[in-house]
mmCIF file of all heavy atoms, coordinates in Angstrom:
data_MODEL
# 
_entry.id   MODEL 
# 
loop_
_atom_site.group_PDB 
_atom_site.id 
_atom_site.type_symbol 
_atom_site.label_atom_id 
_atom_site.label_alt_id 
_atom_site.label_comp_id 
_atom_site.label_asym_id 
_atom_site.label_entity_id 
_atom_site.label_seq_id 
_atom_site.pdbx_PDB_ins_code 
_atom_site.Cartn_x 
_atom_site.Cartn_y 
_atom_site.Cartn_z 
_atom_site.occupancy 
_atom_site.B_iso_or_equiv 
_atom_site.pdbx_formal_charge 
_atom_site.auth_seq_id 
_atom_site.auth_comp_id 
_atom_site.auth_asym_id 
_atom_site.auth_atom_id 
_atom_site.pdbx_PDB_model_num 
ATOM 1   N N   . GLY A 1 1  ? -0.025 25.923 -21.023 1.00 0.00 ? 1  GLY A N   1 
ATOM 2   C CA  . GLY A 1 1  ? -0.647 25.897 -19.704 1.00 0.00 ? 1  GLY A CA  1 
ATOM 3   C C   . GLY A 1 1  ? -0.853 24.477 -19.205 1.00 0.00 ? 1  GLY A C   1 
ATOM 4   O O   . GLY A 1 1  ? -0.636 24.185 -18.018 1.00 0.00 ? 1  GLY A O   1 
ATOM 5   N N   . LEU A 1 2  ? -1.260 23.598 -20.105 1.00 0.00 ? 2  LEU A N   1 
ATOM 6   C CA  . LEU A 1 2  ? -1.452 22.195 -19.721 1.00 0.00 ? 2  LEU A CA  1 
ATOM 7   C C   . LEU A 1 2  ? -0.128 21.530 -19.357 1.00 0.00 ? 2  LEU A C   1 
ATOM 8   O O   . LEU A 1 2  ? -0.056 20.747 -18.406 1.00 0.00 ? 2  LEU A O   1 
ATOM 9   C CB  . LEU A 1 2  ? -2.138 21.429 -20.862 1.00 0.00 ? 2  LEU A CB  1 
ATOM 10  C CG  . LEU A 1 2  ? -3.592 21.813 -21.145 1.00 0.00 ? 2  LEU A CG  1 
ATOM 11  C CD1 . LEU A 1 2  ? -4.063 21.164 -22.443 1.00 0.00 ? 2  LEU A CD1 1 
ATOM 12  C CD2 . LEU A 1 2  ? -4.485 21.409 -19.993 1.00 0.00 ? 2  LEU A CD2 1 
ATOM 13  N N   . GLN A 1 3  ? 0.918  21.853 -20.101 1.00 0.00 ? 3  GLN A N   1 
ATOM 14  C CA  . GLN A 1 3  ? 2.245  21.303 -19.804 1.00 0.00 ? 3  GLN A CA  1 
ATOM 15  C C   . GLN A 1 3  ? 2.711  21.740 -18.415 1.00 0.00 ? 3  GLN A C   1 
ATOM 16  O O   . GLN A 1 3  ? 3.284  20.952 -17.667 1.00 0.00 ? 3  GLN A O   1 
ATOM 17  C CB  . GLN A 1 3  ? 3.272  21.745 -20.859 1.00 0.00 ? 3  GLN A CB  1 
ATOM 18  C CG  . GLN A 1 3  ? 3.131  21.067 -22.181 1.00 0.00 ? 3  GLN A CG  1 
ATOM 19  C CD  . GLN A 1 3  ? 3.667  19.635 -22.177 1.00 0.00 ? 3  GLN A CD  1 
ATOM 20  O OE1 . GLN A 1 3  ? 4.049  19.099 -21.159 1.00 0.00 ? 3  GLN A OE1 1 
ATOM 21  N NE2 . GLN A 1 3  ? 3.661  19.017 -23.336 1.00 0.00 ? 3  GLN A NE2 1 
ATOM 22  N N   . SER A 1 4  ? 2.462  22.998 -18.087 1.00 0.00 ? 4  SER A N   1 
ATOM 23  C CA  . SER A 1 4  ? 2.839  23.515 -16.770 1.00 0.00 ? 4  SER A CA  1 
ATOM 24  C C   . SER A 1 4  ? 2.088  22.773 -15.665 1.00 0.00 ? 4  SER A C   1 
ATOM 25  O O   . SER A 1 4  ? 2.684  22.364 -14.664 1.00 0.00 ? 4  SER A O   1 
ATOM 26  C CB  . SER A 1 4  ? 2.548  25.015 -16.698 1.00 0.00 ? 4  SER A CB  1 
ATOM 27  O OG  . SER A 1 4  ? 2.836  25.506 -15.407 1.00 0.00 ? 4  SER A OG  1 
ATOM 28  N N   . SER A 1 5  ? 0.803  22.581 -15.858 1.00 0.00 ? 5  SER A N   1 
ATOM 29  C CA  . SER A 1 5  ? 0.001  21.845 -14.875 1.00 0.00 ? 5  SER A CA  1 
ATOM 30  C C   . SER A 1 5  ? 0.465  20.400 -14.762 1.00 0.00 ? 5  SER A C   1 
ATOM 31  O O   . SER A 1 5  ? 0.526  19.843 -13.663 1.00 0.00 ? 5  SER A O   1 
ATOM 32  C CB  . SER A 1 5  ? -1.475 21.878 -15.263 1.00 0.00 ? 5  SER A CB  1 
ATOM 33  O OG  . SER A 1 5  ? -1.961 23.206 -15.227 1.00 0.00 ? 5  SER A OG  1 
ATOM 34  N N   . LEU A 1 6  ? 0.818  19.797 -15.886 1.00 0.00 ? 6  LEU A N   1 
ATOM 35  C CA  . LEU A 1 6  ? 1.305  18.427 -15.900 1.00 0.00 ? 6  LEU A CA  1 
ATOM 36  C C   . LEU A 1 6  ? 2.611  18.311 -15.111 1.00 0.00 ? 6  LEU A C   1 
ATOM 37  O O   . LEU A 1 6  ? 2.785  17.374 -14.323 1.00 0.00 ? 6  LEU A O   1 
ATOM 38  C CB  . LEU A 1 6  ? 1.508  17.952 -17.340 1.00 0.00 ? 6  LEU A CB  1 
ATOM 39  C CG  . LEU A 1 6  ? 2.091  16.560 -17.520 1.00 0.00 ? 6  LEU A CG  1 
ATOM 40  C CD1 . LEU A 1 6  ? 1.168  15.504 -16.932 1.00 0.00 ? 6  LEU A CD1 1 
ATOM 41  C CD2 . LEU A 1 6  ? 2.355  16.280 -19.001 1.00 0.00 ? 6  LEU A CD2 1 
ATOM 42  N N   . THR A 1 7  ? 3.506  19.261 -15.309 1.00 0.00 ? 7  THR A N   1 
ATOM 43  C CA  . THR A 1 7  ? 4.774  19.259 -14.583 1.00 0.00 ? 7  THR A CA  1 
ATOM 44  C C   . THR A 1 7  ? 4.538  19.308 -13.079 1.00 0.00 ? 7  THR A C   1 
ATOM 45  O O   . THR A 1 7  ? 5.151  18.552 -12.315 1.00 0.00 ? 7  THR A O   1 
ATOM 46  C CB  . THR A 1 7  ? 5.654  20.454 -15.018 1.00 0.00 ? 7  THR A CB  1 
ATOM 47  O OG1 . THR A 1 7  ? 5.920  20.331 -16.422 1.00 0.00 ? 7  THR A OG1 1 
ATOM 48  C CG2 . THR A 1 7  ? 6.953  20.507 -14.258 1.00 0.00 ? 7  THR A CG2 1 
ATOM 49  N N   . HIS A 1 8  ? 3.635  20.173 -12.634 1.00 0.00 ? 8  HIS A N   1 
ATOM 50  C CA  . HIS A 1 8  ? 3.333  20.293 -11.204 1.00 0.00 ? 8  HIS A CA  1 
ATOM 51  C C   . HIS A 1 8  ? 2.701  19.011 -10.663 1.00 0.00 ? 8  HIS A C   1 
ATOM 52  O O   . HIS A 1 8  ? 3.034  18.569 -9.556  1.00 0.00 ? 8  HIS A O   1 
ATOM 53  C CB  . HIS A 1 8  ? 2.436  21.496 -10.933 1.00 0.00 ? 8  HIS A CB  1 
ATOM 54  C CG  . HIS A 1 8  ? 3.112  22.800 -11.164 1.00 0.00 ? 8  HIS A CG  1 
ATOM 55  N ND1 . HIS A 1 8  ? 4.160  23.257 -10.401 1.00 0.00 ? 8  HIS A ND1 1 
ATOM 56  C CD2 . HIS A 1 8  ? 2.895  23.762 -12.086 1.00 0.00 ? 8  HIS A CD2 1 
ATOM 57  C CE1 . HIS A 1 8  ? 4.562  24.430 -10.832 1.00 0.00 ? 8  HIS A CE1 1 
ATOM 58  N NE2 . HIS A 1 8  ? 3.800  24.769 -11.881 1.00 0.00 ? 8  HIS A NE2 1 
ATOM 59  N N   . ALA A 1 9  ? 1.814  18.404 -11.414 1.00 0.00 ? 9  ALA A N   1 
ATOM 60  C CA  . ALA A 1 9  ? 1.171  17.154 -10.973 1.00 0.00 ? 9  ALA A CA  1 
ATOM 61  C C   . ALA A 1 9  ? 2.209  16.044 -10.851 1.00 0.00 ? 9  ALA A C   1 
ATOM 62  O O   . ALA A 1 9  ? 2.209  15.284 -9.871  1.00 0.00 ? 9  ALA A O   1 
ATOM 63  C CB  . ALA A 1 9  ? 0.065  16.754 -11.943 1.00 0.00 ? 9  ALA A CB  1 
ATOM 64  N N   . GLU A 1 10 ? 3.109  15.948 -11.815 1.00 0.00 ? 10 GLU A N   1 
ATOM 65  C CA  . GLU A 1 10 ? 4.144  14.926 -11.769 1.00 0.00 ? 10 GLU A CA  1 
ATOM 66  C C   . GLU A 1 10 ? 5.106  15.152 -10.606 1.00 0.00 ? 10 GLU A C   1 
ATOM 67  O O   . GLU A 1 10 ? 5.565  14.201 -9.978  1.00 0.00 ? 10 GLU A O   1 
ATOM 68  C CB  . GLU A 1 10 ? 4.894  14.862 -13.098 1.00 0.00 ? 10 GLU A CB  1 
ATOM 69  C CG  . GLU A 1 10 ? 4.044  14.265 -14.207 1.00 0.00 ? 10 GLU A CG  1 
ATOM 70  C CD  . GLU A 1 10 ? 4.708  14.296 -15.567 1.00 0.00 ? 10 GLU A CD  1 
ATOM 71  O OE1 . GLU A 1 10 ? 5.610  15.134 -15.790 1.00 0.00 ? 10 GLU A OE1 1 
ATOM 72  O OE2 . GLU A 1 10 ? 4.314  13.473 -16.410 1.00 0.00 ? 10 GLU A OE2 1 
ATOM 73  N N   . GLU A 1 11 ? 5.411  16.421 -10.292 1.00 0.00 ? 11 GLU A N   1 
ATOM 74  C CA  . GLU A 1 11 ? 6.265  16.733 -9.143  1.00 0.00 ? 11 GLU A CA  1 
ATOM 75  C C   . GLU A 1 11 ? 5.595  16.298 -7.838  1.00 0.00 ? 11 GLU A C   1 
ATOM 76  O O   . GLU A 1 11 ? 6.246  15.739 -6.955  1.00 0.00 ? 11 GLU A O   1 
ATOM 77  C CB  . GLU A 1 11 ? 6.577  18.228 -9.096  1.00 0.00 ? 11 GLU A CB  1 
ATOM 78  C CG  . GLU A 1 11 ? 7.563  18.682 -10.154 1.00 0.00 ? 11 GLU A CG  1 
ATOM 79  C CD  . GLU A 1 11 ? 7.722  20.195 -10.211 1.00 0.00 ? 11 GLU A CD  1 
ATOM 80  O OE1 . GLU A 1 11 ? 7.049  20.919 -9.440  1.00 0.00 ? 11 GLU A OE1 1 
ATOM 81  O OE2 . GLU A 1 11 ? 8.522  20.666 -11.041 1.00 0.00 ? 11 GLU A OE2 1 
ATOM 82  N N   . LYS A 1 12 ? 4.304  16.550 -7.715  1.00 0.00 ? 12 LYS A N   1 
ATOM 83  C CA  . LYS A 1 12 ? 3.559  16.154 -6.506  1.00 0.00 ? 12 LYS A CA  1 
ATOM 84  C C   . LYS A 1 12 ? 3.538  14.635 -6.363  1.00 0.00 ? 12 LYS A C   1 
ATOM 85  O O   . LYS A 1 12 ? 3.707  14.107 -5.261  1.00 0.00 ? 12 LYS A O   1 
ATOM 86  C CB  . LYS A 1 12 ? 2.132  16.697 -6.526  1.00 0.00 ? 12 LYS A CB  1 
ATOM 87  C CG  . LYS A 1 12 ? 2.041  18.173 -6.245  1.00 0.00 ? 12 LYS A CG  1 
ATOM 88  C CD  . LYS A 1 12 ? 2.463  18.449 -4.829  1.00 0.00 ? 12 LYS A CD  1 
ATOM 89  C CE  . LYS A 1 12 ? 2.374  19.926 -4.536  1.00 0.00 ? 12 LYS A CE  1 
ATOM 90  N NZ  . LYS A 1 12 ? 2.910  20.273 -3.227  1.00 0.00 ? 12 LYS A NZ  1 
ATOM 91  N N   . ILE A 1 13 ? 3.338  13.936 -7.465  1.00 0.00 ? 13 ILE A N   1 
ATOM 92  C CA  . ILE A 1 13 ? 3.340  12.474 -7.420  1.00 0.00 ? 13 ILE A CA  1 
ATOM 93  C C   . ILE A 1 13 ? 4.719  11.967 -6.992  1.00 0.00 ? 13 ILE A C   1 
ATOM 94  O O   . ILE A 1 13 ? 4.829  11.056 -6.163  1.00 0.00 ? 13 ILE A O   1 
ATOM 95  C CB  . ILE A 1 13 ? 2.916  11.880 -8.778  1.00 0.00 ? 13 ILE A CB  1 
ATOM 96  C CG1 . ILE A 1 13 ? 1.434  12.179 -9.034  1.00 0.00 ? 13 ILE A CG1 1 
ATOM 97  C CG2 . ILE A 1 13 ? 3.179  10.377 -8.827  1.00 0.00 ? 13 ILE A CG2 1 
ATOM 98  C CD1 . ILE A 1 13 ? 0.963  11.857 -10.436 1.00 0.00 ? 13 ILE A CD1 1 
ATOM 99  N N   . ALA A 1 14 ? 5.775  12.561 -7.520  1.00 0.00 ? 14 ALA A N   1 
ATOM 100 C CA  . ALA A 1 14 ? 7.141  12.164 -7.157  1.00 0.00 ? 14 ALA A CA  1 
ATOM 101 C C   . ALA A 1 14 ? 7.398  12.430 -5.679  1.00 0.00 ? 14 ALA A C   1 
ATOM 102 O O   . ALA A 1 14 ? 8.025  11.610 -4.990  1.00 0.00 ? 14 ALA A O   1 
ATOM 103 C CB  . ALA A 1 14 ? 8.160  12.900 -8.020  1.00 0.00 ? 14 ALA A CB  1 
ATOM 104 N N   . GLN A 1 15 ? 6.919  13.569 -5.160  1.00 0.00 ? 15 GLN A N   1 
ATOM 105 C CA  . GLN A 1 15 ? 7.072  13.877 -3.736  1.00 0.00 ? 15 GLN A CA  1 
ATOM 106 C C   . GLN A 1 15 ? 6.349  12.848 -2.877  1.00 0.00 ? 15 GLN A C   1 
ATOM 107 O O   . GLN A 1 15 ? 6.882  12.383 -1.870  1.00 0.00 ? 15 GLN A O   1 
ATOM 108 C CB  . GLN A 1 15 ? 6.535  15.274 -3.426  1.00 0.00 ? 15 GLN A CB  1 
ATOM 109 C CG  . GLN A 1 15 ? 7.371  16.403 -3.955  1.00 0.00 ? 15 GLN A CG  1 
ATOM 110 C CD  . GLN A 1 15 ? 6.683  17.757 -3.785  1.00 0.00 ? 15 GLN A CD  1 
ATOM 111 O OE1 . GLN A 1 15 ? 5.612  17.857 -3.204  1.00 0.00 ? 15 GLN A OE1 1 
ATOM 112 N NE2 . GLN A 1 15 ? 7.303  18.797 -4.317  1.00 0.00 ? 15 GLN A NE2 1 
ATOM 113 N N   . LEU A 1 16 ? 5.134  12.492 -3.276  1.00 0.00 ? 16 LEU A N   1 
ATOM 114 C CA  . LEU A 1 16 ? 4.372  11.497 -2.529  1.00 0.00 ? 16 LEU A CA  1 
ATOM 115 C C   . LEU A 1 16 ? 5.059  10.140 -2.559  1.00 0.00 ? 16 LEU A C   1 
ATOM 116 O O   . LEU A 1 16 ? 5.124  9.452  -1.536  1.00 0.00 ? 16 LEU A O   1 
ATOM 117 C CB  . LEU A 1 16 ? 2.961  11.366 -3.090  1.00 0.00 ? 16 LEU A CB  1 
ATOM 118 C CG  . LEU A 1 16 ? 1.965  12.416 -2.640  1.00 0.00 ? 16 LEU A CG  1 
ATOM 119 C CD1 . LEU A 1 16 ? 0.630  12.200 -3.349  1.00 0.00 ? 16 LEU A CD1 1 
ATOM 120 C CD2 . LEU A 1 16 ? 1.763  12.376 -1.151  1.00 0.00 ? 16 LEU A CD2 1 
ATOM 121 N N   . ASP A 1 17 ? 5.561  9.745  -3.724  1.00 0.00 ? 17 ASP A N   1 
ATOM 122 C CA  . ASP A 1 17 ? 6.254  8.461  -3.831  1.00 0.00 ? 17 ASP A CA  1 
ATOM 123 C C   . ASP A 1 17 ? 7.483  8.436  -2.925  1.00 0.00 ? 17 ASP A C   1 
ATOM 124 O O   . ASP A 1 17 ? 7.754  7.428  -2.266  1.00 0.00 ? 17 ASP A O   1 
ATOM 125 C CB  . ASP A 1 17 ? 6.638  8.180  -5.283  1.00 0.00 ? 17 ASP A CB  1 
ATOM 126 C CG  . ASP A 1 17 ? 5.430  7.856  -6.156  1.00 0.00 ? 17 ASP A CG  1 
ATOM 127 O OD1 . ASP A 1 17 ? 4.343  7.566  -5.596  1.00 0.00 ? 17 ASP A OD1 1 
ATOM 128 O OD2 . ASP A 1 17 ? 5.576  7.898  -7.392  1.00 0.00 ? 17 ASP A OD2 1 
ATOM 129 N N   . ALA A 1 18 ? 8.220  9.532  -2.878  1.00 0.00 ? 18 ALA A N   1 
ATOM 130 C CA  . ALA A 1 18 ? 9.397  9.608  -2.003  1.00 0.00 ? 18 ALA A CA  1 
ATOM 131 C C   . ALA A 1 18 ? 8.973  9.555  -0.530  1.00 0.00 ? 18 ALA A C   1 
ATOM 132 O O   . ALA A 1 18 ? 9.616  8.886  0.283   1.00 0.00 ? 18 ALA A O   1 
ATOM 133 C CB  . ALA A 1 18 ? 10.178 10.893 -2.279  1.00 0.00 ? 18 ALA A CB  1 
ATOM 134 N N   . GLN A 1 19 ? 7.893  10.248 -0.198  1.00 0.00 ? 19 GLN A N   1 
ATOM 135 C CA  . GLN A 1 19 ? 7.376  10.243 1.175   1.00 0.00 ? 19 GLN A CA  1 
ATOM 136 C C   . GLN A 1 19 ? 6.944  8.834  1.582   1.00 0.00 ? 19 GLN A C   1 
ATOM 137 O O   . GLN A 1 19 ? 7.265  8.371  2.674   1.00 0.00 ? 19 GLN A O   1 
ATOM 138 C CB  . GLN A 1 19 ? 6.195  11.204 1.275   1.00 0.00 ? 19 GLN A CB  1 
ATOM 139 C CG  . GLN A 1 19 ? 5.511  11.236 2.601   1.00 0.00 ? 19 GLN A CG  1 
ATOM 140 C CD  . GLN A 1 19 ? 4.257  12.125 2.566   1.00 0.00 ? 19 GLN A CD  1 
ATOM 141 O OE1 . GLN A 1 19 ? 4.052  12.899 1.642   1.00 0.00 ? 19 GLN A OE1 1 
ATOM 142 N NE2 . GLN A 1 19 ? 3.435  11.997 3.569   1.00 0.00 ? 19 GLN A NE2 1 
ATOM 143 N N   . ILE A 1 20 ? 6.247  8.144  0.695   1.00 0.00 ? 20 ILE A N   1 
ATOM 144 C CA  . ILE A 1 20 ? 5.793  6.778  0.973   1.00 0.00 ? 20 ILE A CA  1 
ATOM 145 C C   . ILE A 1 20 ? 6.993  5.853  1.139   1.00 0.00 ? 20 ILE A C   1 
ATOM 146 O O   . ILE A 1 20 ? 7.026  5.020  2.041   1.00 0.00 ? 20 ILE A O   1 
ATOM 147 C CB  . ILE A 1 20 ? 4.847  6.289  -0.148  1.00 0.00 ? 20 ILE A CB  1 
ATOM 148 C CG1 . ILE A 1 20 ? 3.534  7.075  -0.094  1.00 0.00 ? 20 ILE A CG1 1 
ATOM 149 C CG2 . ILE A 1 20 ? 4.589  4.794  -0.039  1.00 0.00 ? 20 ILE A CG2 1 
ATOM 150 C CD1 . ILE A 1 20 ? 2.649  6.906  -1.321  1.00 0.00 ? 20 ILE A CD1 1 
ATOM 151 N N   . ALA A 1 21 ? 7.999  5.999  0.287   1.00 0.00 ? 21 ALA A N   1 
ATOM 152 C CA  . ALA A 1 21 ? 9.199  5.159  0.367   1.00 0.00 ? 21 ALA A CA  1 
ATOM 153 C C   . ALA A 1 21 ? 9.930  5.376  1.684   1.00 0.00 ? 21 ALA A C   1 
ATOM 154 O O   . ALA A 1 21 ? 10.397 4.423  2.309   1.00 0.00 ? 21 ALA A O   1 
ATOM 155 C CB  . ALA A 1 21 ? 10.125 5.442  -0.807  1.00 0.00 ? 21 ALA A CB  1 
ATOM 156 N N   . ARG A 1 22 ? 10.013 6.636  2.137   1.00 0.00 ? 22 ARG A N   1 
ATOM 157 C CA  . ARG A 1 22 ? 10.685 6.927  3.411   1.00 0.00 ? 22 ARG A CA  1 
ATOM 158 C C   . ARG A 1 22 ? 9.952  6.279  4.574   1.00 0.00 ? 22 ARG A C   1 
ATOM 159 O O   . ARG A 1 22 ? 10.563 5.775  5.500   1.00 0.00 ? 22 ARG A O   1 
ATOM 160 C CB  . ARG A 1 22 ? 10.784 8.429  3.636   1.00 0.00 ? 22 ARG A CB  1 
ATOM 161 C CG  . ARG A 1 22 ? 11.889 9.099  2.856   1.00 0.00 ? 22 ARG A CG  1 
ATOM 162 C CD  . ARG A 1 22 ? 12.133 10.527 3.339   1.00 0.00 ? 22 ARG A CD  1 
ATOM 163 N NE  . ARG A 1 22 ? 10.943 11.362 3.306   1.00 0.00 ? 22 ARG A NE  1 
ATOM 164 C CZ  . ARG A 1 22 ? 10.527 12.072 2.259   1.00 0.00 ? 22 ARG A CZ  1 
ATOM 165 N NH1 . ARG A 1 22 ? 11.213 12.023 1.136   1.00 0.00 ? 22 ARG A NH1 1 
ATOM 166 N NH2 . ARG A 1 22 ? 9.450  12.811 2.322   1.00 0.00 ? 22 ARG A NH2 1 
ATOM 167 N N   . LYS A 1 23 ? 8.638  6.296  4.535   1.00 0.00 ? 23 LYS A N   1 
ATOM 168 C CA  . LYS A 1 23 ? 7.856  5.715  5.620   1.00 0.00 ? 23 LYS A CA  1 
ATOM 169 C C   . LYS A 1 23 ? 7.966  4.200  5.663   1.00 0.00 ? 23 LYS A C   1 
ATOM 170 O O   . LYS A 1 23 ? 7.792  3.591  6.712   1.00 0.00 ? 23 LYS A O   1 
ATOM 171 C CB  . LYS A 1 23 ? 6.388  6.129  5.506   1.00 0.00 ? 23 LYS A CB  1 
ATOM 172 C CG  . LYS A 1 23 ? 6.156  7.555  5.894   1.00 0.00 ? 23 LYS A CG  1 
ATOM 173 C CD  . LYS A 1 23 ? 4.685  7.886  5.900   1.00 0.00 ? 23 LYS A CD  1 
ATOM 174 C CE  . LYS A 1 23 ? 4.483  9.323  6.348   1.00 0.00 ? 23 LYS A CE  1 
ATOM 175 N NZ  . LYS A 1 23 ? 3.084  9.672  6.426   1.00 0.00 ? 23 LYS A NZ  1 
ATOM 176 N N   . GLN A 1 24 ? 8.257  3.566  4.526   1.00 0.00 ? 24 GLN A N   1 
ATOM 177 C CA  . GLN A 1 24 ? 8.339  2.116  4.471   1.00 0.00 ? 24 GLN A CA  1 
ATOM 178 C C   . GLN A 1 24 ? 9.715  1.594  4.860   1.00 0.00 ? 24 GLN A C   1 
ATOM 179 O O   . GLN A 1 24 ? 9.875  0.399  5.052   1.00 0.00 ? 24 GLN A O   1 
ATOM 180 C CB  . GLN A 1 24 ? 7.956  1.626  3.074   1.00 0.00 ? 24 GLN A CB  1 
ATOM 181 C CG  . GLN A 1 24 ? 6.494  1.841  2.766   1.00 0.00 ? 24 GLN A CG  1 
ATOM 182 C CD  . GLN A 1 24 ? 6.129  1.467  1.348   1.00 0.00 ? 24 GLN A CD  1 
ATOM 183 O OE1 . GLN A 1 24 ? 6.987  1.253  0.510   1.00 0.00 ? 24 GLN A OE1 1 
ATOM 184 N NE2 . GLN A 1 24 ? 4.844  1.377  1.073   1.00 0.00 ? 24 GLN A NE2 1 
ATOM 185 N N   . GLU A 1 25 ? 10.699 2.473  4.961   1.00 0.00 ? 25 GLU A N   1 
ATOM 186 C CA  . GLU A 1 25 ? 12.036 2.041  5.340   1.00 0.00 ? 25 GLU A CA  1 
ATOM 187 C C   . GLU A 1 25 ? 12.066 1.677  6.816   1.00 0.00 ? 25 GLU A C   1 
ATOM 188 O O   . GLU A 1 25 ? 11.460 2.336  7.650   1.00 0.00 ? 25 GLU A O   1 
ATOM 189 C CB  . GLU A 1 25 ? 13.050 3.150  5.081   1.00 0.00 ? 25 GLU A CB  1 
ATOM 190 C CG  . GLU A 1 25 ? 13.289 3.443  3.620   1.00 0.00 ? 25 GLU A CG  1 
ATOM 191 C CD  . GLU A 1 25 ? 14.267 4.577  3.406   1.00 0.00 ? 25 GLU A CD  1 
ATOM 192 O OE1 . GLU A 1 25 ? 14.758 5.154  4.398   1.00 0.00 ? 25 GLU A OE1 1 
ATOM 193 O OE2 . GLU A 1 25 ? 14.535 4.898  2.244   1.00 0.00 ? 25 GLU A OE2 1 
# 
């Protein structure tokens, strides 16, 4: 269960990082 939650948290962080990178271009 913790691994599943970790995967989702890491996916959200990756989405945010991509969103931030797009805005800075």
